[in-house]
């Protein structure tokens, strides 16, 4: 796993949204997209951890064609 800073995670966030399956993962990704527009917003430690996982999954599965990003319940 590559340790990315928040700016790097947010740079890839639209791709995460695009690859997120319907359900919890997509809802979470969209909620982060909305929250990031608030002045001074910072993700909680739990959100940040999930963001790292989702961006890492984006790169892990980039060439395998299944398009699945993690789903948490």
C-alpha atoms as a PDB file:
ATOM      1  CA  UNK A   1       0.000   0.000   0.000  1.00  0.00           C
ATOM      2  CA  UNK A   2       1.285   3.426  -0.933  1.00  0.00           C
ATOM      3  CA  UNK A   3       0.802   6.109   1.679  1.00  0.00           C
ATOM      4  CA  UNK A   4      -0.882   9.013  -0.079  1.00  0.00           C
ATOM      5  CA  UNK A   5      -1.689  12.395   1.407  1.00  0.00           C
ATOM      6  CA  UNK A   6      -5.220  13.798   1.382  1.00  0.00           C
ATOM      7  CA  UNK A   7      -4.589  15.936  -1.694  1.00  0.00           C
ATOM      8  CA  UNK A   8      -3.488  12.859  -3.657  1.00  0.00           C
ATOM      9  CA  UNK A   9      -6.499  10.859  -2.487  1.00  0.00           C
ATOM     10  CA  UNK A  10      -8.874  13.619  -3.542  1.00  0.00           C
ATOM     11  CA  UNK A  11      -7.125  13.924  -6.914  1.00  0.00           C
ATOM     12  CA  UNK A  12      -8.181  10.323  -7.663  1.00  0.00           C
ATOM     13  CA  UNK A  13     -11.594  10.592  -6.029  1.00  0.00           C
ATOM     14  CA  UNK A  14     -13.655  11.004  -9.212  1.00  0.00           C
ATOM     15  CA  UNK A  15     -12.167   7.757 -10.515  1.00  0.00           C
ATOM     16  CA  UNK A  16     -13.057   6.062  -7.213  1.00  0.00           C
ATOM     17  CA  UNK A  17     -16.654   7.262  -7.584  1.00  0.00           C
ATOM     18  CA  UNK A  18     -16.748   6.001 -11.154  1.00  0.00           C
ATOM     19  CA  UNK A  19     -15.550   2.520 -10.169  1.00  0.00           C
ATOM     20  CA  UNK A  20     -17.491   2.185  -6.908  1.00  0.00           C
ATOM     21  CA  UNK A  21     -20.267  -0.405  -7.081  1.00  0.00           C
ATOM     22  CA  UNK A  22     -23.829   0.590  -6.237  1.00  0.00           C
ATOM     23  CA  UNK A  23     -24.516   0.433  -2.541  1.00  0.00           C
ATOM     24  CA  UNK A  24     -22.467   1.394   0.466  1.00  0.00           C
ATOM     25  CA  UNK A  25     -19.158   2.031  -1.340  1.00  0.00           C
ATOM     26  CA  UNK A  26     -20.717   4.385  -3.877  1.00  0.00           C
ATOM     27  CA  UNK A  27     -22.706   6.208  -1.201  1.00  0.00           C
ATOM     28  CA  UNK A  28     -19.563   6.699   0.878  1.00  0.00           C
ATOM     29  CA  UNK A  29     -17.596   7.956  -2.128  1.00  0.00           C
ATOM     30  CA  UNK A  30     -20.337  10.431  -3.028  1.00  0.00           C
ATOM     31  CA  UNK A  31     -20.592  11.634   0.576  1.00  0.00           C
ATOM     32  CA  UNK A  32     -16.858  12.394   0.609  1.00  0.00           C
ATOM     33  CA  UNK A  33     -17.200  14.262  -2.703  1.00  0.00           C
ATOM     34  CA  UNK A  34     -19.943  16.421  -1.199  1.00  0.00           C
ATOM     35  CA  UNK A  35     -18.149  16.957   2.128  1.00  0.00           C
ATOM     36  CA  UNK A  36     -14.883  18.035   0.536  1.00  0.00           C
ATOM     37  CA  UNK A  37     -16.515  21.211  -0.773  1.00  0.00           C
ATOM     38  CA  UNK A  38     -17.112  22.487   2.761  1.00  0.00           C
ATOM     39  CA  UNK A  39     -14.536  25.034   3.923  1.00  0.00           C
ATOM     40  CA  UNK A  40     -12.123  23.520   6.405  1.00  0.00           C
ATOM     41  CA  UNK A  41     -13.396  19.959   5.932  1.00  0.00           C
ATOM     42  CA  UNK A  42     -11.056  17.209   7.031  1.00  0.00           C
ATOM     43  CA  UNK A  43     -11.930  13.517   6.969  1.00  0.00           C
ATOM     44  CA  UNK A  44     -12.177  11.639  10.233  1.00  0.00           C
ATOM     45  CA  UNK A  45      -9.467   9.042  10.826  1.00  0.00           C
ATOM     46  CA  UNK A  46     -11.958   6.296   9.880  1.00  0.00           C
ATOM     47  CA  UNK A  47     -12.958   8.101   6.660  1.00  0.00           C
ATOM     48  CA  UNK A  48      -9.322   8.679   5.785  1.00  0.00           C
ATOM     49  CA  UNK A  49      -8.534   4.995   6.247  1.00  0.00           C
ATOM     50  CA  UNK A  50     -11.400   4.001   3.965  1.00  0.00           C
ATOM     51  CA  UNK A  51     -10.334   6.579   1.413  1.00  0.00           C
ATOM     52  CA  UNK A  52      -6.832   5.082   1.370  1.00  0.00           C
ATOM     53  CA  UNK A  53      -8.302   1.616   0.859  1.00  0.00           C
ATOM     54  CA  UNK A  54     -10.569   2.723  -1.962  1.00  0.00           C
ATOM     55  CA  UNK A  55      -7.820   4.561  -3.858  1.00  0.00           C
ATOM     56  CA  UNK A  56      -5.449   1.624  -3.334  1.00  0.00           C
ATOM     57  CA  UNK A  57      -8.122  -0.729  -4.691  1.00  0.00           C
ATOM     58  CA  UNK A  58      -8.509   1.528  -7.699  1.00  0.00           C
ATOM     59  CA  UNK A  59      -4.852   0.958  -8.571  1.00  0.00           C
ATOM     60  CA  UNK A  60      -4.811  -2.695  -7.541  1.00  0.00           C
ATOM     61  CA  UNK A  61      -7.646  -3.518  -9.926  1.00  0.00           C
ATOM     62  CA  UNK A  62      -6.720  -1.017 -12.629  1.00  0.00           C
ATOM     63  CA  UNK A  63      -5.686  -3.670 -15.134  1.00  0.00           C
ATOM     64  CA  UNK A  64      -7.808  -6.690 -14.260  1.00  0.00           C
ATOM     65  CA  UNK A  65     -11.070  -5.468 -15.773  1.00  0.00           C
ATOM     66  CA  UNK A  66     -13.424  -6.420 -12.938  1.00  0.00           C
ATOM     67  CA  UNK A  67     -13.961  -2.807 -11.901  1.00  0.00           C
ATOM     68  CA  UNK A  68     -14.812  -3.752  -8.322  1.00  0.00           C
ATOM     69  CA  UNK A  69     -13.876  -1.412  -5.521  1.00  0.00           C
ATOM     70  CA  UNK A  70     -14.154  -2.499  -1.907  1.00  0.00           C
ATOM     71  CA  UNK A  71     -17.584  -2.600  -0.372  1.00  0.00           C
ATOM     72  CA  UNK A  72     -18.082  -2.207   3.351  1.00  0.00           C
ATOM     73  CA  UNK A  73     -21.295  -2.760   5.218  1.00  0.00           C
END
